[in-house]
Amino acid sequence: MKEIYIELDGKQLPCRPTMGAMLRFKKETGRDAMTITDNDLEGNITFLWCCIVSACKHDGKEFDMSLMDFADAVGLDDVSSWADQLNAAGKSGGGAAATDGEKKTRRK
């Protein structure tokens, strides 16, 4: 899985689209992460937060920012850049981020 790091408040935080991130997204929104589209701002912000929470938990890094605090701390350019990185990781087999028009299939 490609390593993606997000700089937030001067800290480098890991951000990975893990199964835990997908489950957190479902718990937060009631939606499947595969339904996120490029123009879904709320979905993208929430999924990015879930990816950071999951990666930090796995790596033993402290990240106690709530979803709303996270949303207050980032701008649209940040979210767009991070989403592009996650999508690139997903296209190279490193994650599950989907884009408009992409069809996901399950390998046998």
C-alpha atoms as a PDB file:
ATOM      1  CA  MET A   1       0.000   0.000   0.000  1.00  0.00           C
ATOM      2  CA  LYS A   2       1.375   3.380  -1.007  1.00  0.00           C
ATOM      3  CA  GLU A   3       2.247   5.589   1.950  1.00  0.00           C
ATOM      4  CA  ILE A   4       0.446   8.927   1.934  1.00  0.00           C
ATOM      5  CA  TYR A   5       1.188  11.551   4.538  1.00  0.00           C
ATOM      6  CA  ILE A   6      -0.989  14.543   5.280  1.00  0.00           C
ATOM      7  CA  GLU A   7       0.429  17.679   6.838  1.00  0.00           C
ATOM      8  CA  LEU A   8      -2.015  19.145   9.317  1.00  0.00           C
ATOM      9  CA  ASP A   9      -1.173  21.792  11.896  1.00  0.00           C
ATOM     10  CA  GLY A  10       2.533  21.225  11.215  1.00  0.00           C
ATOM     11  CA  LYS A  11       2.335  17.449  11.809  1.00  0.00           C
ATOM     12  CA  GLN A  12       2.879  14.718   9.224  1.00  0.00           C
ATOM     13  CA  LEU A  13       0.065  12.197   9.626  1.00  0.00           C
ATOM     14  CA  PRO A  14      -0.321   8.869   7.834  1.00  0.00           C
ATOM     15  CA  CYS A  15      -3.383   8.514   5.624  1.00  0.00           C
ATOM     16  CA  ARG A  16      -4.244   5.113   4.157  1.00  0.00           C
ATOM     17  CA  PRO A  17      -7.469   3.755   2.663  1.00  0.00           C
ATOM     18  CA  THR A  18      -7.719   0.663   4.884  1.00  0.00           C
ATOM     19  CA  MET A  19     -10.623  -1.643   5.607  1.00  0.00           C
ATOM     20  CA  GLY A  20     -10.846   0.080   8.991  1.00  0.00           C
ATOM     21  CA  ALA A  21     -11.232   3.432   7.236  1.00  0.00           C
ATOM     22  CA  MET A  22     -14.048   2.012   5.128  1.00  0.00           C
ATOM     23  CA  LEU A  23     -15.821   0.634   8.205  1.00  0.00           C
ATOM     24  CA  ARG A  24     -15.394   3.951  10.025  1.00  0.00           C
ATOM     25  CA  PHE A  25     -16.898   5.772   7.039  1.00  0.00           C
ATOM     26  CA  LYS A  26     -19.906   3.427   7.082  1.00  0.00           C
ATOM     27  CA  LYS A  27     -20.316   3.961  10.834  1.00  0.00           C
ATOM     28  CA  GLU A  28     -20.078   7.768  10.496  1.00  0.00           C
ATOM     29  CA  THR A  29     -22.325   8.172   7.452  1.00  0.00           C
ATOM     30  CA  GLY A  30     -24.376   5.014   7.011  1.00  0.00           C
ATOM     31  CA  ARG A  31     -23.032   4.894   3.432  1.00  0.00           C
ATOM     32  CA  ASP A  32     -20.582   2.570   1.750  1.00  0.00           C
ATOM     33  CA  ALA A  33     -17.259   4.281   0.935  1.00  0.00           C
ATOM     34  CA  MET A  34     -17.517   3.000  -2.635  1.00  0.00           C
ATOM     35  CA  THR A  35     -20.395   5.474  -3.190  1.00  0.00           C
ATOM     36  CA  ILE A  36     -18.117   8.520  -2.828  1.00  0.00           C
ATOM     37  CA  THR A  37     -17.801  10.541  -6.029  1.00  0.00           C
ATOM     38  CA  ASP A  38     -15.363  13.310  -6.963  1.00  0.00           C
ATOM     39  CA  ASN A  39     -17.944  16.042  -6.323  1.00  0.00           C
ATOM     40  CA  ASP A  40     -19.072  14.603  -2.961  1.00  0.00           C
ATOM     41  CA  LEU A  41     -17.345  17.078  -0.644  1.00  0.00           C
ATOM     42  CA  GLU A  42     -18.851  15.709   2.572  1.00  0.00           C
ATOM     43  CA  GLY A  43     -18.012  12.144   1.596  1.00  0.00           C
ATOM     44  CA  ASN A  44     -14.438  13.008   0.631  1.00  0.00           C
ATOM     45  CA  ILE A  45     -13.752  14.971   3.828  1.00  0.00           C
ATOM     46  CA  THR A  46     -15.250  12.225   5.966  1.00  0.00           C
ATOM     47  CA  PHE A  47     -13.348   9.463   4.179  1.00  0.00           C
ATOM     48  CA  LEU A  48     -10.050  11.365   4.445  1.00  0.00           C
ATOM     49  CA  TRP A  49     -10.628  11.784   8.183  1.00  0.00           C
ATOM     50  CA  CYS A  50     -11.414   8.073   8.468  1.00  0.00           C
ATOM     51  CA  CYS A  51      -8.206   7.207   6.574  1.00  0.00           C
ATOM     52  CA  ILE A  52      -6.138   9.360   8.948  1.00  0.00           C
ATOM     53  CA  VAL A  53      -7.834   7.977  12.080  1.00  0.00           C
ATOM     54  CA  SER A  54      -7.331   4.400  10.890  1.00  0.00           C
ATOM     55  CA  ALA A  55      -3.687   4.854   9.839  1.00  0.00           C
ATOM     56  CA  CYS A  56      -2.799   6.704  13.052  1.00  0.00           C
ATOM     57  CA  LYS A  57      -4.433   4.014  15.171  1.00  0.00           C
ATOM     58  CA  HIS A  58      -2.523   1.288  13.326  1.00  0.00           C
ATOM     59  CA  ASP A  59       0.792   3.184  13.522  1.00  0.00           C
ATOM     60  CA  GLY A  60       0.361   4.122  17.194  1.00  0.00           C
ATOM     61  CA  LYS A  61       0.254   7.867  16.426  1.00  0.00           C
ATOM     62  CA  GLU A  62      -1.978  10.160  18.401  1.00  0.00           C
ATOM     63  CA  PHE A  63      -4.815  11.785  16.433  1.00  0.00           C
ATOM     64  CA  ASP A  64      -7.710  12.973  18.541  1.00  0.00           C
ATOM     65  CA  MET A  65      -9.237  15.534  16.181  1.00  0.00           C
ATOM     66  CA  SER A  66     -12.991  15.175  15.719  1.00  0.00           C
ATOM     67  CA  LEU A  67     -14.453  15.103  12.226  1.00  0.00           C
ATOM     68  CA  MET A  68     -15.749  18.663  12.614  1.00  0.00           C
ATOM     69  CA  ASP A  69     -12.409  19.926  13.968  1.00  0.00           C
ATOM     70  CA  PHE A  70     -10.706  18.251  11.011  1.00  0.00           C
ATOM     71  CA  ALA A  71     -13.136  19.879   8.565  1.00  0.00           C
ATOM     72  CA  ASP A  72     -12.517  23.268  10.213  1.00  0.00           C
ATOM     73  CA  ALA A  73      -8.737  22.823   9.849  1.00  0.00           C
ATOM     74  CA  VAL A  74      -8.597  22.039   6.127  1.00  0.00           C
ATOM     75  CA  GLY A  75      -9.375  23.945   2.947  1.00  0.00           C
ATOM     76  CA  LEU A  76     -10.825  22.814  -0.371  1.00  0.00           C
ATOM     77  CA  ASP A  77      -7.355  22.693  -1.974  1.00  0.00           C
ATOM     78  CA  ASP A  78      -6.148  20.375   0.798  1.00  0.00           C
ATOM     79  CA  VAL A  79      -9.071  18.003   0.353  1.00  0.00           C
ATOM     80  CA  SER A  80      -8.710  17.984  -3.435  1.00  0.00           C
ATOM     81  CA  SER A  81      -4.974  17.249  -3.242  1.00  0.00           C
ATOM     82  CA  TRP A  82      -5.432  14.458  -0.689  1.00  0.00           C
ATOM     83  CA  ALA A  83      -8.309  12.921  -2.643  1.00  0.00           C
ATOM     84  CA  ASP A  84      -6.116  12.901  -5.771  1.00  0.00           C
ATOM     85  CA  GLN A  85      -3.378  11.070  -3.844  1.00  0.00           C
ATOM     86  CA  LEU A  86      -5.862   8.501  -2.508  1.00  0.00           C
ATOM     87  CA  ASN A  87      -7.355   7.988  -5.966  1.00  0.00           C
ATOM     88  CA  ALA A  88      -3.878   7.481  -7.420  1.00  0.00           C
ATOM     89  CA  ALA A  89      -3.127   4.935  -4.690  1.00  0.00           C
ATOM     90  CA  GLY A  90      -6.423   3.186  -5.439  1.00  0.00           C
ATOM     91  CA  LYS A  91      -5.703   3.006  -9.170  1.00  0.00           C
ATOM     92  CA  SER A  92      -2.298   1.488  -8.512  1.00  0.00           C
ATOM     93  CA  GLY A  93      -3.860  -1.191  -6.324  1.00  0.00           C
ATOM     94  CA  GLY A  94      -3.075   0.528  -3.056  1.00  0.00           C
ATOM     95  CA  GLY A  95      -6.530   1.473  -1.896  1.00  0.00           C
ATOM     96  CA  ALA A  96     -10.244   1.637  -2.389  1.00  0.00           C
ATOM     97  CA  ALA A  97     -10.944   5.243  -3.318  1.00  0.00           C
ATOM     98  CA  ALA A  98     -13.356   5.407  -6.265  1.00  0.00           C
ATOM     99  CA  THR A  99     -13.836   8.078  -8.888  1.00  0.00           C
ATOM    100  CA  ASP A 100     -16.860   8.990 -11.008  1.00  0.00           C
ATOM    101  CA  GLY A 101     -17.497   6.392 -13.642  1.00  0.00           C
ATOM    102  CA  GLU A 102     -15.146   3.784 -12.194  1.00  0.00           C
ATOM    103  CA  LYS A 103     -16.604   0.330 -11.841  1.00  0.00           C
ATOM    104  CA  LYS A 104     -15.149  -1.865  -9.123  1.00  0.00           C
ATOM    105  CA  THR A 105     -15.054  -5.594  -9.684  1.00  0.00           C
ATOM    106  CA  ARG A 106     -14.164  -8.327  -7.256  1.00  0.00           C
ATOM    107  CA  ARG A 107     -11.258 -10.633  -8.090  1.00  0.00           C
ATOM    108  CA  LYS A 108     -11.818 -14.363  -7.826  1.00  0.00           C
END
